[in-house]
């Protein structure tokens, strides 16, 4: 899936790192990160996930976060970059796969 992301440089103790975020951060849309790099895209309103959403029991973000933490590769919903954000914001197009349904089951 082709997505436009905000890319912000962050000045850290270890050097400059890049922070990736959705341009149109709406409810139900999430980037899934591995080592602060987006690897998957999840939209709760996608038809692909309609059968899984029923099992979320209220808060889908909590359920999704719990499932990702239990995965051996430790995926996250939020990047963990600590430092000073630059005011230089760029937009880039990325191709990300949708989060596999097997991650949620």
N, C-alpha and C. Protein backbone atom coordinates (compact mmCIF):
# COMPACT_ATOMS: atom_id res chain seq x y z
N UNK A 1 0.85 -1.16 0.00
CA UNK A 1 0.00 0.00 0.00
C UNK A 1 0.90 1.23 0.00
N UNK A 2 0.59 2.20 -0.83
CA UNK A 2 1.38 3.41 -0.92
C UNK A 2 0.83 4.45 0.04
N UNK A 3 1.69 4.93 0.97
CA UNK A 3 1.29 5.90 1.99
C UNK A 3 2.24 7.08 2.00
N UNK A 4 1.69 8.25 2.24
CA UNK A 4 2.49 9.45 2.40
C UNK A 4 2.73 9.67 3.89
N UNK A 5 4.00 9.74 4.29
CA UNK A 5 4.35 9.87 5.69
C UNK A 5 5.12 11.16 5.94
N UNK A 6 4.92 11.72 7.14
CA UNK A 6 5.74 12.84 7.60
C UNK A 6 7.06 12.26 8.08
N UNK A 7 8.15 12.88 7.69
CA UNK A 7 9.48 12.45 8.13
C UNK A 7 10.14 13.64 8.82
N UNK A 8 10.43 13.49 10.11
CA UNK A 8 11.01 14.57 10.90
C UNK A 8 12.36 14.11 11.46
N UNK A 9 13.42 14.86 11.22
CA UNK A 9 14.70 14.54 11.86
C UNK A 9 14.62 14.82 13.36
N UNK A 10 15.22 13.94 14.14
CA UNK A 10 15.28 14.09 15.60
C UNK A 10 16.74 14.01 16.00
N UNK A 11 17.20 15.03 16.72
CA UNK A 11 18.59 15.07 17.17
C UNK A 11 18.69 14.35 18.51
N UNK A 12 19.42 13.24 18.52
CA UNK A 12 19.57 12.43 19.73
C UNK A 12 21.04 12.43 20.15
N UNK A 13 21.31 11.84 21.30
CA UNK A 13 22.68 11.71 21.80
C UNK A 13 23.53 10.89 20.83
N UNK A 14 22.91 9.93 20.16
CA UNK A 14 23.64 9.04 19.25
C UNK A 14 23.66 9.54 17.81
N UNK A 15 23.12 10.73 17.56
CA UNK A 15 23.10 11.26 16.20
C UNK A 15 21.67 11.57 15.76
N UNK A 16 21.51 11.84 14.49
CA UNK A 16 20.20 12.18 13.93
C UNK A 16 19.46 10.91 13.56
N UNK A 17 18.22 10.81 14.04
CA UNK A 17 17.33 9.70 13.67
C UNK A 17 16.10 10.29 13.00
N UNK A 18 15.40 9.49 12.24
CA UNK A 18 14.20 9.97 11.55
C UNK A 18 12.95 9.42 12.22
N UNK A 19 11.98 10.30 12.40
CA UNK A 19 10.69 9.95 12.99
C UNK A 19 9.67 9.90 11.87
N UNK A 20 9.00 8.77 11.70
CA UNK A 20 8.00 8.58 10.65
C UNK A 20 6.61 8.57 11.28
N UNK A 21 5.70 9.36 10.70
CA UNK A 21 4.32 9.42 11.19
C UNK A 21 3.36 9.55 10.02
N UNK A 22 2.12 9.13 10.23
CA UNK A 22 1.10 9.29 9.20
C UNK A 22 0.78 10.76 8.98
N UNK A 23 0.59 11.15 7.73
CA UNK A 23 0.21 12.53 7.42
C UNK A 23 -1.22 12.80 7.86
N UNK A 24 -2.08 11.84 7.62
CA UNK A 24 -3.49 11.99 7.98
C UNK A 24 -3.82 11.07 9.14
N UNK A 25 -3.27 11.36 10.29
CA UNK A 25 -3.45 10.52 11.47
C UNK A 25 -4.89 10.59 11.96
N UNK A 26 -5.71 9.69 11.48
CA UNK A 26 -7.11 9.63 11.88
C UNK A 26 -7.30 8.44 12.82
N UNK A 27 -8.39 8.45 13.55
CA UNK A 27 -8.69 7.34 14.45
C UNK A 27 -8.77 6.04 13.66
N UNK A 28 -8.17 5.02 14.20
CA UNK A 28 -8.23 3.70 13.59
C UNK A 28 -7.11 3.42 12.61
N UNK A 29 -6.27 4.40 12.31
CA UNK A 29 -5.14 4.19 11.40
C UNK A 29 -3.85 4.20 12.21
N UNK A 30 -3.00 3.21 11.98
CA UNK A 30 -1.76 3.08 12.74
C UNK A 30 -0.62 2.59 11.86
N UNK A 31 0.56 3.05 12.17
CA UNK A 31 1.77 2.47 11.62
C UNK A 31 2.28 1.47 12.65
N UNK A 32 2.81 0.37 12.18
CA UNK A 32 3.40 -0.63 13.06
C UNK A 32 4.91 -0.55 12.85
N UNK A 33 5.63 -0.31 13.93
CA UNK A 33 7.07 -0.07 13.87
C UNK A 33 7.87 -1.28 14.35
N UNK A 34 9.03 -1.43 13.75
CA UNK A 34 10.04 -2.37 14.22
C UNK A 34 11.35 -1.60 14.22
N UNK A 35 11.94 -1.43 15.40
CA UNK A 35 13.16 -0.62 15.55
C UNK A 35 12.98 0.80 15.01
N UNK A 36 11.83 1.40 15.32
CA UNK A 36 11.49 2.78 14.96
C UNK A 36 11.31 3.02 13.46
N UNK A 37 11.20 1.97 12.69
CA UNK A 37 10.95 2.07 11.25
C UNK A 37 9.57 1.47 10.97
N UNK A 38 8.72 2.18 10.22
CA UNK A 38 7.40 1.60 9.91
C UNK A 38 7.53 0.41 8.96
N UNK A 39 6.89 -0.69 9.35
CA UNK A 39 6.95 -1.90 8.52
C UNK A 39 5.57 -2.35 8.05
N UNK A 40 4.52 -1.99 8.80
CA UNK A 40 3.16 -2.36 8.43
C UNK A 40 2.22 -1.19 8.65
N UNK A 41 1.08 -1.28 7.98
CA UNK A 41 0.01 -0.28 8.12
C UNK A 41 -1.24 -1.02 8.58
N UNK A 42 -1.96 -0.42 9.53
CA UNK A 42 -3.20 -1.02 10.03
C UNK A 42 -4.30 0.03 10.05
N UNK A 43 -5.42 -0.29 9.41
CA UNK A 43 -6.60 0.56 9.43
C UNK A 43 -7.76 -0.30 9.93
N UNK A 44 -8.26 0.04 11.09
CA UNK A 44 -9.30 -0.77 11.72
C UNK A 44 -10.56 -0.90 10.86
N UNK A 45 -10.78 0.05 9.95
CA UNK A 45 -11.98 0.04 9.12
C UNK A 45 -11.79 -0.71 7.81
N UNK A 46 -10.64 -1.33 7.62
CA UNK A 46 -10.36 -2.10 6.41
C UNK A 46 -11.20 -3.39 6.45
N UNK A 47 -11.73 -3.75 5.31
CA UNK A 47 -12.56 -4.97 5.21
C UNK A 47 -11.79 -6.22 5.61
N UNK A 48 -10.50 -6.19 5.43
CA UNK A 48 -9.64 -7.34 5.73
C UNK A 48 -9.73 -7.75 7.21
N UNK A 49 -9.99 -6.79 8.08
CA UNK A 49 -9.99 -7.04 9.53
C UNK A 49 -11.39 -7.12 10.15
N UNK A 50 -12.43 -7.08 9.35
CA UNK A 50 -13.79 -6.99 9.90
C UNK A 50 -14.15 -8.13 10.84
N UNK A 51 -13.68 -9.35 10.59
CA UNK A 51 -14.01 -10.47 11.48
C UNK A 51 -13.21 -10.43 12.78
N UNK A 52 -12.03 -9.87 12.75
CA UNK A 52 -11.16 -9.79 13.93
C UNK A 52 -11.62 -8.68 14.88
N UNK A 53 -12.15 -7.60 14.35
CA UNK A 53 -12.54 -6.43 15.15
C UNK A 53 -13.54 -6.81 16.23
N UNK A 54 -14.38 -7.77 15.97
CA UNK A 54 -15.38 -8.20 16.94
C UNK A 54 -14.72 -8.69 18.23
N UNK A 55 -13.55 -9.31 18.12
CA UNK A 55 -12.87 -9.85 19.30
C UNK A 55 -12.10 -8.79 20.09
N UNK A 56 -12.08 -7.56 19.64
CA UNK A 56 -11.30 -6.51 20.31
C UNK A 56 -11.93 -6.04 21.62
N UNK A 57 -13.19 -6.29 21.83
CA UNK A 57 -13.89 -5.94 23.08
C UNK A 57 -13.62 -4.51 23.55
N UNK A 58 -14.00 -3.56 22.75
CA UNK A 58 -13.91 -2.17 23.20
C UNK A 58 -12.79 -1.37 22.59
N UNK A 59 -11.58 -1.49 23.11
CA UNK A 59 -10.48 -0.65 22.68
C UNK A 59 -9.53 -1.40 21.75
N UNK A 60 -9.63 -1.17 20.45
CA UNK A 60 -8.77 -1.90 19.50
C UNK A 60 -7.29 -1.57 19.65
N UNK A 61 -6.95 -0.34 20.04
CA UNK A 61 -5.54 0.03 20.18
C UNK A 61 -4.87 -0.77 21.30
N UNK A 62 -5.56 -0.97 22.41
CA UNK A 62 -5.02 -1.75 23.51
C UNK A 62 -4.81 -3.20 23.09
N UNK A 63 -5.80 -3.76 22.41
CA UNK A 63 -5.71 -5.15 21.95
C UNK A 63 -4.55 -5.30 20.96
N UNK A 64 -4.46 -4.37 20.01
CA UNK A 64 -3.41 -4.41 19.01
C UNK A 64 -2.03 -4.29 19.66
N UNK A 65 -1.88 -3.37 20.60
CA UNK A 65 -0.61 -3.18 21.30
C UNK A 65 -0.20 -4.44 22.04
N UNK A 66 -1.14 -5.07 22.71
CA UNK A 66 -0.86 -6.30 23.46
C UNK A 66 -0.40 -7.42 22.53
N UNK A 67 -1.08 -7.56 21.40
CA UNK A 67 -0.72 -8.60 20.44
C UNK A 67 0.66 -8.36 19.84
N UNK A 68 0.98 -7.11 19.55
CA UNK A 68 2.27 -6.81 18.96
C UNK A 68 3.41 -7.04 19.94
N UNK A 69 3.19 -6.72 21.22
CA UNK A 69 4.23 -6.92 22.23
C UNK A 69 4.52 -8.40 22.45
N UNK A 70 3.51 -9.24 22.26
CA UNK A 70 3.70 -10.67 22.47
C UNK A 70 4.40 -11.33 21.27
N UNK A 71 4.52 -10.62 20.17
CA UNK A 71 5.20 -11.15 18.98
C UNK A 71 6.71 -11.21 19.27
N UNK A 72 7.40 -12.24 18.81
CA UNK A 72 8.84 -12.38 19.08
C UNK A 72 9.69 -11.19 18.61
N UNK A 73 9.26 -10.48 17.58
CA UNK A 73 10.07 -9.37 17.06
C UNK A 73 9.79 -8.04 17.75
N UNK A 74 8.85 -7.99 18.68
CA UNK A 74 8.55 -6.79 19.47
C UNK A 74 8.18 -5.57 18.63
N UNK A 75 7.14 -5.72 17.85
CA UNK A 75 6.60 -4.60 17.08
C UNK A 75 5.94 -3.62 18.05
N UNK A 76 5.83 -2.34 17.66
CA UNK A 76 5.20 -1.34 18.51
C UNK A 76 4.29 -0.44 17.68
N UNK A 77 3.40 0.27 18.37
CA UNK A 77 2.53 1.25 17.72
C UNK A 77 3.14 2.64 17.70
N UNK A 78 4.12 2.87 18.55
CA UNK A 78 4.74 4.20 18.63
C UNK A 78 6.26 4.05 18.60
N UNK A 79 6.91 4.94 17.85
CA UNK A 79 8.37 4.89 17.85
C UNK A 79 8.92 5.39 19.18
N UNK A 80 10.08 4.94 19.55
CA UNK A 80 10.68 5.37 20.82
C UNK A 80 11.99 6.10 20.53
N UNK A 81 11.86 7.32 20.04
CA UNK A 81 13.01 8.16 19.74
C UNK A 81 12.97 9.35 20.69
N UNK A 82 14.01 9.49 21.50
CA UNK A 82 14.09 10.60 22.44
C UNK A 82 15.13 11.60 21.96
N UNK A 83 14.72 12.85 21.87
CA UNK A 83 15.63 13.89 21.43
C UNK A 83 14.87 15.14 21.06
N UNK A 84 15.56 16.05 20.40
CA UNK A 84 14.96 17.30 19.96
C UNK A 84 14.51 17.17 18.51
N UNK A 85 13.23 17.44 18.28
CA UNK A 85 12.70 17.37 16.92
C UNK A 85 13.08 18.61 16.12
N UNK A 86 13.45 18.38 14.90
CA UNK A 86 13.76 19.48 14.00
C UNK A 86 12.46 20.09 13.49
N UNK A 87 12.53 21.34 13.07
CA UNK A 87 11.35 21.98 12.48
C UNK A 87 11.24 21.66 10.99
N UNK A 88 12.22 20.95 10.45
CA UNK A 88 12.22 20.57 9.04
C UNK A 88 11.39 19.30 8.85
N UNK A 89 10.20 19.48 8.36
CA UNK A 89 9.29 18.36 8.13
C UNK A 89 9.26 18.07 6.63
N UNK A 90 9.45 16.83 6.29
CA UNK A 90 9.38 16.42 4.89
C UNK A 90 8.28 15.38 4.74
N UNK A 91 7.80 15.25 3.54
CA UNK A 91 6.82 14.21 3.22
C UNK A 91 7.47 13.25 2.22
N UNK A 92 7.27 11.97 2.47
CA UNK A 92 7.79 10.96 1.55
C UNK A 92 6.73 9.89 1.34
N UNK A 93 6.78 9.29 0.17
CA UNK A 93 5.89 8.18 -0.14
C UNK A 93 6.60 6.88 0.21
N UNK A 94 5.87 5.99 0.88
CA UNK A 94 6.39 4.69 1.27
C UNK A 94 5.42 3.60 0.83
N UNK A 95 5.96 2.45 0.56
CA UNK A 95 5.14 1.27 0.30
C UNK A 95 5.21 0.38 1.53
N UNK A 96 4.07 0.22 2.20
CA UNK A 96 3.99 -0.63 3.39
C UNK A 96 2.93 -1.70 3.18
N UNK A 97 3.21 -2.88 3.68
CA UNK A 97 2.20 -3.95 3.64
C UNK A 97 1.19 -3.73 4.74
N UNK A 98 -0.01 -4.24 4.53
CA UNK A 98 -1.02 -4.21 5.59
C UNK A 98 -0.59 -5.24 6.66
N UNK A 99 -0.94 -4.96 7.90
CA UNK A 99 -0.64 -5.87 8.99
C UNK A 99 -1.34 -7.20 8.73
N UNK A 100 -0.60 -8.32 8.72
CA UNK A 100 -1.24 -9.61 8.49
C UNK A 100 -2.27 -9.93 9.58
N UNK A 101 -3.36 -10.51 9.18
CA UNK A 101 -4.43 -10.88 10.12
C UNK A 101 -3.91 -11.87 11.17
N UNK A 102 -2.94 -12.66 10.81
CA UNK A 102 -2.38 -13.65 11.75
C UNK A 102 -1.75 -13.00 12.98
N UNK A 103 -1.33 -11.75 12.88
CA UNK A 103 -0.77 -11.04 14.04
C UNK A 103 -1.84 -10.76 15.09
N UNK A 104 -3.08 -10.68 14.68
CA UNK A 104 -4.17 -10.28 15.57
C UNK A 104 -4.89 -11.46 16.21
N UNK A 105 -4.70 -12.62 15.68
CA UNK A 105 -5.43 -13.79 16.16
C UNK A 105 -4.87 -14.42 17.40
